[in-house]
PDB file of N, CA and C in Angstrom:
ATOM      1  N   MET A   1      95.922  63.714 108.057  1.00  0.00           N
ATOM      2  CA  MET A   1      94.600  63.765 107.472  1.00  0.00           C
ATOM      3  C   MET A   1      94.516  64.791 106.333  1.00  0.00           C
ATOM      4  N   LYS A   2      95.662  65.295 105.881  1.00  0.00           N
ATOM      5  CA  LYS A   2      95.655  66.278 104.797  1.00  0.00           C
ATOM      6  C   LYS A   2      95.037  65.722 103.524  1.00  0.00           C
ATOM      7  N   PHE A   3      95.089  64.427 103.360  1.00  0.00           N
ATOM      8  CA  PHE A   3      94.559  63.833 102.138  1.00  0.00           C
ATOM      9  C   PHE A   3      93.048  64.045 102.001  1.00  0.00           C
ATOM     10  N   LEU A   4      92.381  64.414 103.078  1.00  0.00           N
ATOM     11  CA  LEU A   4      90.937  64.670 103.032  1.00  0.00           C
ATOM     12  C   LEU A   4      90.591  66.048 102.489  1.00  0.00           C
ATOM     13  N   ARG A   5      91.547  66.970 102.502  1.00  0.00           N
ATOM     14  CA  ARG A   5      91.272  68.342 102.074  1.00  0.00           C
ATOM     15  C   ARG A   5      90.743  68.401 100.652  1.00  0.00           C
ATOM     16  N   GLY A   6      89.659  69.137 100.513  1.00  0.00           N
ATOM     17  CA  GLY A   6      89.067  69.322  99.200  1.00  0.00           C
ATOM     18  C   GLY A   6      88.205  68.172  98.723  1.00  0.00           C
ATOM     19  N   LYS A   7      88.109  67.121  99.497  1.00  0.00           N
ATOM     20  CA  LYS A   7      87.294  65.967  99.129  1.00  0.00           C
ATOM     21  C   LYS A   7      85.902  66.105  99.758  1.00  0.00           C
ATOM     22  N   GLY A   8      84.984  65.340  99.285  1.00  0.00           N
ATOM     23  CA  GLY A   8      83.620  65.366  99.798  1.00  0.00           C
ATOM     24  C   GLY A   8      83.502  64.952 101.255  1.00  0.00           C
ATOM     25  N   ILE A   9      84.470  64.207 101.734  1.00  0.00           N
ATOM     26  CA  ILE A   9      84.409  63.748 103.127  1.00  0.00           C
ATOM     27  C   ILE A   9      85.234  64.616 104.079  1.00  0.00           C
ATOM     28  N   ASP A  10      85.716  65.745 103.588  1.00  0.00           N
ATOM     29  CA  ASP A  10      86.470  66.687 104.419  1.00  0.00           C
ATOM     30  C   ASP A  10      85.529  67.220 105.504  1.00  0.00           C
ATOM     31  N   PRO A  11      85.800  66.941 106.786  1.00  0.00           N
ATOM     32  CA  PRO A  11      84.874  67.357 107.839  1.00  0.00           C
ATOM     33  C   PRO A  11      84.775  68.867 108.007  1.00  0.00           C
ATOM     34  N   PHE A  12      85.761  69.605 107.517  1.00  0.00           N
ATOM     35  CA  PHE A  12      85.737  71.057 107.659  1.00  0.00           C
ATOM     36  C   PHE A  12      85.489  71.757 106.323  1.00  0.00           C
ATOM     37  N   GLY A  13      85.266  71.010 105.281  1.00  0.00           N
ATOM     38  CA  GLY A  13      85.141  71.565 103.942  1.00  0.00           C
ATOM     39  C   GLY A  13      83.900  72.404 103.701  1.00  0.00           C
ATOM     40  N   ASN A  14      82.878  72.214 104.501  1.00  0.00           N
ATOM     41  CA  ASN A  14      81.641  72.951 104.281  1.00  0.00           C
ATOM     42  C   ASN A  14      81.477  74.134 105.221  1.00  0.00           C
ATOM     43  N   THR A  15      82.508  74.483 105.941  1.00  0.00           N
ATOM     44  CA  THR A  15      82.392  75.642 106.824  1.00  0.00           C
ATOM     45  C   THR A  15      82.398  76.919 105.983  1.00  0.00           C
ATOM     46  N   ARG A  16      81.874  77.969 106.550  1.00  0.00           N
ATOM     47  CA  ARG A  16      81.797  79.258 105.873  1.00  0.00           C
ATOM     48  C   ARG A  16      83.188  79.718 105.428  1.00  0.00           C
ATOM     49  N   HIS A  17      84.165  79.486 106.271  1.00  0.00           N
ATOM     50  CA  HIS A  17      85.517  79.943 105.982  1.00  0.00           C
ATOM     51  C   HIS A  17      86.143  79.178 104.816  1.00  0.00           C
ATOM     52  N   ARG A  18      85.931  77.872 104.772  1.00  0.00           N
ATOM     53  CA  ARG A  18      86.500  77.078 103.676  1.00  0.00           C
ATOM     54  C   ARG A  18      85.816  77.420 102.361  1.00  0.00           C
ATOM     55  N   LYS A  19      84.507  77.654 102.406  1.00  0.00           N
ATOM     56  CA  LYS A  19      83.794  78.042 101.186  1.00  0.00           C
ATOM     57  C   LYS A  19      84.320  79.377 100.668  1.00  0.00           C
ATOM     58  N   LEU A  20      84.573  80.301 101.590  1.00  0.00           N
ATOM     59  CA  LEU A  20      85.125  81.596 101.206  1.00  0.00           C
ATOM     60  C   LEU A  20      86.490  81.422 100.557  1.00  0.00           C
ATOM     61  N   GLU A  21      87.336  80.598 101.153  1.00  0.00           N
ATOM     62  CA  GLU A  21      88.668  80.365 100.602  1.00  0.00           C
ATOM     63  C   GLU A  21      88.589  79.785  99.196  1.00  0.00           C
ATOM     64  N   ARG A  22      87.688  78.833  98.995  1.00  0.00           N
ATOM     65  CA  ARG A  22      87.549  78.239  97.659  1.00  0.00           C
ATOM     66  C   ARG A  22      86.996  79.243  96.657  1.00  0.00           C
ATOM     67  N   ALA A  23      86.119  80.122  97.092  1.00  0.00           N
ATOM     68  CA  ALA A  23      85.530  81.122  96.200  1.00  0.00           C
ATOM     69  C   ALA A  23      86.556  82.174  95.786  1.00  0.00           C
ATOM     70  N   LEU A  24      87.551  82.403  96.613  1.00  0.00           N
ATOM     71  CA  LEU A  24      88.556  83.411  96.307  1.00  0.00           C
ATOM     72  C   LEU A  24      89.433  83.026  95.117  1.00  0.00           C
ATOM     73  N   ILE A  25      89.607  81.754  94.882  1.00  0.00           N
ATOM     74  CA  ILE A  25      90.479  81.315  93.791  1.00  0.00           C
ATOM     75  C   ILE A  25      89.947  81.763  92.433  1.00  0.00           C
ATOM     76  N   PRO A  26      88.702  81.435  92.069  1.00  0.00           N
ATOM     77  CA  PRO A  26      88.219  81.920  90.768  1.00  0.00           C
ATOM     78  C   PRO A  26      88.050  83.443  90.728  1.00  0.00           C
ATOM     79  N   GLU A  27      87.753  84.043  91.868  1.00  0.00           N
ATOM     80  CA  GLU A  27      87.643  85.505  91.928  1.00  0.00           C
ATOM     81  C   GLU A  27      88.986  86.152  91.570  1.00  0.00           C
ATOM     82  N   TYR A  28      90.050  85.627  92.130  1.00  0.00           N
ATOM     83  CA  TYR A  28      91.388  86.133  91.837  1.00  0.00           C
ATOM     84  C   TYR A  28      91.743  85.905  90.366  1.00  0.00           C
ATOM     85  N   MET A  29      91.425  84.730  89.852  1.00  0.00           N
ATOM     86  CA  MET A  29      91.737  84.421  88.465  1.00  0.00           C
ATOM     87  C   MET A  29      90.993  85.362  87.514  1.00  0.00           C
ATOM     88  N   GLU A  30      89.739  85.675  87.816  1.00  0.00           N
ATOM     89  CA  GLU A  30      88.978  86.616  86.998  1.00  0.00           C
ATOM     90  C   GLU A  30      89.594  88.013  87.058  1.00  0.00           C
ATOM     91  N   THR A  31      90.040  88.408  88.241  1.00  0.00           N
ATOM     92  CA  THR A  31      90.671  89.718  88.397  1.00  0.00           C
ATOM     93  C   THR A  31      91.941  89.801  87.568  1.00  0.00           C
ATOM     94  N   ILE A  32      92.754  88.769  87.624  1.00  0.00           N
ATOM     95  CA  ILE A  32      94.001  88.753  86.855  1.00  0.00           C
ATOM     96  C   ILE A  32      93.703  88.741  85.358  1.00  0.00           C
ATOM     97  N   ASP A  33      92.716  87.954  84.935  1.00  0.00           N
ATOM     98  CA  ASP A  33      92.340  87.946  83.518  1.00  0.00           C
ATOM     99  C   ASP A  33      91.907  89.334  83.061  1.00  0.00           C
ATOM    100  N   SER A  34      91.136  90.008  83.887  1.00  0.00           N
ATOM    101  CA  SER A  34      90.684  91.361  83.570  1.00  0.00           C
ATOM    102  C   SER A  34      91.877  92.309  83.441  1.00  0.00           C
ATOM    103  N   CYS A  35      92.824  92.181  84.355  1.00  0.00           N
ATOM    104  CA  CYS A  35      94.027  93.022  84.295  1.00  0.00           C
ATOM    105  C   CYS A  35      94.819  92.752  83.026  1.00  0.00           C
ATOM    106  N   LEU A  36      94.956  91.496  82.673  1.00  0.00           N
ATOM    107  CA  LEU A  36      95.738  91.131  81.497  1.00  0.00           C
ATOM    108  C   LEU A  36      95.100  91.626  80.207  1.00  0.00           C
ATOM    109  N   GLN A  37      93.777  91.651  80.167  1.00  0.00           N
ATOM    110  CA  GLN A  37      93.094  92.127  78.966  1.00  0.00           C
ATOM    111  C   GLN A  37      93.343  93.613  78.734  1.00  0.00           C
ATOM    112  N   ARG A  38      93.536  94.362  79.822  1.00  0.00           N
ATOM    113  CA  ARG A  38      93.736  95.805  79.706  1.00  0.00           C
ATOM    114  C   ARG A  38      95.185  96.221  79.950  1.00  0.00           C
ATOM    115  N   LEU A  39      96.077  95.273  80.014  1.00  0.00           N
ATOM    116  CA  LEU A  39      97.468  95.562  80.366  1.00  0.00           C
ATOM    117  C   LEU A  39      98.145  96.464  79.337  1.00  0.00           C
ATOM    118  N   SER A  40      98.789  97.477  79.849  1.00  0.00           N
ATOM    119  CA  SER A  40      99.575  98.377  79.010  1.00  0.00           C
ATOM    120  C   SER A  40     100.737  98.891  79.860  1.00  0.00           C
ATOM    121  N   SER A  41     101.614  99.638  79.240  1.00  0.00           N
ATOM    122  CA  SER A  41     102.736 100.184  80.007  1.00  0.00           C
ATOM    123  C   SER A  41     102.256 101.198  81.046  1.00  0.00           C
ATOM    124  N   ASP A  42     101.089 101.798  80.811  1.00  0.00           N
ATOM    125  CA  ASP A  42     100.555 102.786  81.757  1.00  0.00           C
ATOM    126  C   ASP A  42     100.019 102.161  83.041  1.00  0.00           C
ATOM    127  N   ASN A  43      99.453 100.951  82.943  1.00  0.00           N
ATOM    128  CA  ASN A  43      98.847 100.346  84.136  1.00  0.00           C
ATOM    129  C   ASN A  43      99.609  99.101  84.621  1.00  0.00           C
ATOM    130  N   TYR A  44     100.817  98.929  84.142  1.00  0.00           N
ATOM    131  CA  TYR A  44     101.627  97.762  84.525  1.00  0.00           C
ATOM    132  C   TYR A  44     101.852  97.705  86.033  1.00  0.00           C
ATOM    133  N   GLU A  45     102.192  98.832  86.643  1.00  0.00           N
ATOM    134  CA  GLU A  45     102.456  98.858  88.089  1.00  0.00           C
ATOM    135  C   GLU A  45     101.205  98.485  88.884  1.00  0.00           C
ATOM    136  N   ASN A  46     100.034  98.953  88.450  1.00  0.00           N
ATOM    137  CA  ASN A  46      98.780  98.574  89.115  1.00  0.00           C
ATOM    138  C   ASN A  46      98.548  97.073  89.018  1.00  0.00           C
ATOM    139  N   ALA A  47      98.830  96.505  87.855  1.00  0.00           N
ATOM    140  CA  ALA A  47      98.652  95.070  87.667  1.00  0.00           C
ATOM    141  C   ALA A  47      99.563  94.278  88.604  1.00  0.00           C
ATOM    142  N   ILE A  48     100.777  94.751  88.797  1.00  0.00           N
ATOM    143  CA  ILE A  48     101.708  94.094  89.720  1.00  0.00           C
ATOM    144  C   ILE A  48     101.170  94.172  91.144  1.00  0.00           C
ATOM    145  N   GLU A  49     100.654  95.331  91.530  1.00  0.00           N
ATOM    146  CA  GLU A  49     100.084  95.491  92.872  1.00  0.00           C
ATOM    147  C   GLU A  49      98.886  94.573  93.071  1.00  0.00           C
ATOM    148  N   ILE A  50      98.019  94.501  92.074  1.00  0.00           N
ATOM    149  CA  ILE A  50      96.837  93.639  92.172  1.00  0.00           C
ATOM    150  C   ILE A  50      97.258  92.178  92.303  1.00  0.00           C
ATOM    151  N   ALA A  51      98.250  91.766  91.533  1.00  0.00           N
ATOM    152  CA  ALA A  51      98.710  90.375  91.582  1.00  0.00           C
ATOM    153  C   ALA A  51      99.258  90.011  92.959  1.00  0.00           C
ATOM    154  N   ALA A  52      99.797  90.984  93.691  1.00  0.00           N
ATOM    155  CA  ALA A  52     100.383  90.717  95.007  1.00  0.00           C
ATOM    156  C   ALA A  52      99.371  90.826  96.145  1.00  0.00           C
ATOM    157  N   LEU A  53      98.183  91.333  95.886  1.00  0.00           N
ATOM    158  CA  LEU A  53      97.215  91.559  96.953  1.00  0.00           C
ATOM    159  C   LEU A  53      96.803  90.319  97.756  1.00  0.00           C
ATOM    160  N   PRO A  54      96.720  89.135  97.169  1.00  0.00           N
ATOM    161  CA  PRO A  54      96.332  87.980  97.974  1.00  0.00           C
ATOM    162  C   PRO A  54      97.235  87.716  99.178  1.00  0.00           C
ATOM    163  N   ASP A  55      98.443  88.262  99.166  1.00  0.00           N
ATOM    164  CA  ASP A  55      99.333  88.090 100.315  1.00  0.00           C
ATOM    165  C   ASP A  55      98.759  88.708 101.581  1.00  0.00           C
ATOM    166  N   MET A  56      97.814  89.626 101.437  1.00  0.00           N
ATOM    167  CA  MET A  56      97.230  90.261 102.623  1.00  0.00           C
ATOM    168  C   MET A  56      96.158  89.381 103.278  1.00  0.00           C
ATOM    169  N   ILE A  57      95.752  88.311 102.615  1.00  0.00           N
ATOM    170  CA  ILE A  57      94.710  87.442 103.159  1.00  0.00           C
ATOM    171  C   ILE A  57      95.367  86.395 104.045  1.00  0.00           C
ATOM    172  N   ARG A  58      95.467  86.731 105.300  1.00  0.00           N
ATOM    173  CA  ARG A  58      96.089  85.843 106.287  1.00  0.00           C
ATOM    174  C   ARG A  58      95.244  85.855 107.554  1.00  0.00           C
ATOM    175  N   GLY A  59      95.522  84.926 108.427  1.00  0.00           N
ATOM    176  CA  GLY A  59      94.841  84.882 109.705  1.00  0.00           C
ATOM    177  C   GLY A  59      93.813  83.766 109.758  1.00  0.00           C
ATOM    178  N   TYR A  60      93.135  83.706 110.864  1.00  0.00           N
ATOM    179  CA  TYR A  60      92.121  82.690 111.087  1.00  0.00           C
ATOM    180  C   TYR A  60      90.762  83.343 111.211  1.00  0.00           C
ATOM    181  N   GLU A  61      89.777  82.682 110.671  1.00  0.00           N
ATOM    182  CA  GLU A  61      88.368  83.012 110.772  1.00  0.00           C
ATOM    183  C   GLU A  61      88.055  84.493 110.606  1.00  0.00           C
ATOM    184  N   GLU A  62      87.669  85.191 111.673  1.00  0.00           N
ATOM    185  CA  GLU A  62      87.226  86.580 111.556  1.00  0.00           C
ATOM    186  C   GLU A  62      88.337  87.500 111.050  1.00  0.00           C
ATOM    187  N   ILE A  63      89.558  87.208 111.438  1.00  0.00           N
ATOM    188  CA  ILE A  63      90.687  88.012 110.964  1.00  0.00           C
ATOM    189  C   ILE A  63      90.842  87.839 109.458  1.00  0.00           C
ATOM    190  N   LYS A  64      90.752  86.603 108.993  1.00  0.00           N
ATOM    191  CA  LYS A  64      90.870  86.336 107.560  1.00  0.00           C
ATOM    192  C   LYS A  64      89.715  86.985 106.805  1.00  0.00           C
ATOM    193  N   GLU A  65      88.498  86.905 107.356  1.00  0.00           N
ATOM    194  CA  GLU A  65      87.348  87.523 106.698  1.00  0.00           C
ATOM    195  C   GLU A  65      87.534  89.025 106.560  1.00  0.00           C
ATOM    196  N   ALA A  66      88.049  89.668 107.585  1.00  0.00           N
ATOM    197  CA  ALA A  66      88.312  91.107 107.523  1.00  0.00           C
ATOM    198  C   ALA A  66      89.375  91.401 106.474  1.00  0.00           C
ATOM    199  N   ASN A  67      90.386  90.545 106.391  1.00  0.00           N
ATOM    200  CA  ASN A  67      91.437  90.723 105.390  1.00  0.00           C
ATOM    201  C   ASN A  67      90.914  90.504 103.972  1.00  0.00           C
ATOM    202  N   VAL A  68      89.944  89.615 103.821  1.00  0.00           N
ATOM    203  CA  VAL A  68      89.330  89.410 102.511  1.00  0.00           C
ATOM    204  C   VAL A  68      88.597  90.678 102.086  1.00  0.00           C
ATOM    205  N   GLU A  69      87.900  91.302 103.014  1.00  0.00           N
ATOM    206  CA  GLU A  69      87.212  92.558 102.692  1.00  0.00           C
ATOM    207  C   GLU A  69      88.218  93.645 102.317  1.00  0.00           C
ATOM    208  N   ARG A  70      89.309  93.726 103.052  1.00  0.00           N
ATOM    209  CA  ARG A  70      90.369  94.692 102.716  1.00  0.00           C
ATOM    210  C   ARG A  70      90.937  94.398 101.326  1.00  0.00           C
ATOM    211  N   TYR A  71      91.126  93.125 101.027  1.00  0.00           N
ATOM    212  CA  TYR A  71      91.627  92.706  99.713  1.00  0.00           C
ATOM    213  C   TYR A  71      90.681  93.159  98.607  1.00  0.00           C
ATOM    214  N   ARG A  72      89.387  92.890  98.790  1.00  0.00           N
ATOM    215  CA  ARG A  72      88.403  93.247  97.770  1.00  0.00           C
ATOM    216  C   ARG A  72      88.335  94.774  97.574  1.00  0.00           C
ATOM    217  N   GLU A  73      88.427  95.525  98.643  1.00  0.00           N
ATOM    218  CA  GLU A  73      88.433  96.977  98.535  1.00  0.00           C
ATOM    219  C   GLU A  73      89.672  97.463  97.775  1.00  0.00           C
ATOM    220  N   ALA A  74      90.801  96.873  98.095  1.00  0.00           N
ATOM    221  CA  ALA A  74      92.053  97.262  97.426  1.00  0.00           C
ATOM    222  C   ALA A  74      91.989  96.951  95.933  1.00  0.00           C
ATOM    223  N   VAL A  75      91.415  95.795  95.571  1.00  0.00           N
ATOM    224  CA  VAL A  75      91.285  95.445  94.164  1.00  0.00           C
ATOM    225  C   VAL A  75      90.417  96.474  93.453  1.00  0.00           C
ATOM    226  N   GLN A  76      89.283  96.823  94.056  1.00  0.00           N
ATOM    227  CA  GLN A  76      88.391  97.798  93.431  1.00  0.00           C
ATOM    228  C   GLN A  76      89.077  99.158  93.275  1.00  0.00           C
ATOM    229  N   ASN A  77      89.841  99.550  94.273  1.00  0.00           N
ATOM    230  CA  ASN A  77      90.537 100.841  94.185  1.00  0.00           C
ATOM    231  C   ASN A  77      91.588 100.843  93.078  1.00  0.00           C
ATOM    232  N   LEU A  78      92.264  99.728  92.903  1.00  0.00           N
ATOM    233  CA  LEU A  78      93.310  99.656  91.898  1.00  0.00           C
ATOM    234  C   LEU A  78      92.773  99.455  90.480  1.00  0.00           C
ATOM    235  N   LEU A  79      91.611  98.839  90.379  1.00  0.00           N
ATOM    236  CA  LEU A  79      91.029  98.642  89.053  1.00  0.00           C
ATOM    237  C   LEU A  79      90.493  99.960  88.542  1.00  0.00           C
TER     238      LEU A  79
END
C-alpha cells in the first residue's frame, strides 16, 4: 500500500505526525538556503553540522516529536 503515501486517499496522511513530517521538509530547505546565503570559511563547520541535524529525527510519534524539538533547538543554537 506504499503507493498511497502522499496521496489524497492516504488513510494516515492527515495525522498530526504526518503533517509534521511534511512540514519539516520545507523548514529544512529554508534553513539550508539561509546557511548557504551566509556561507563562508568561518561558518563552514556550522553549516555541515546543520545539514546533518535531520539525522536526529527518528522514532515513532512522541519520540519523534521530542526529537523534532531537539532538532529545532540545535538549529537555532548553531545559527
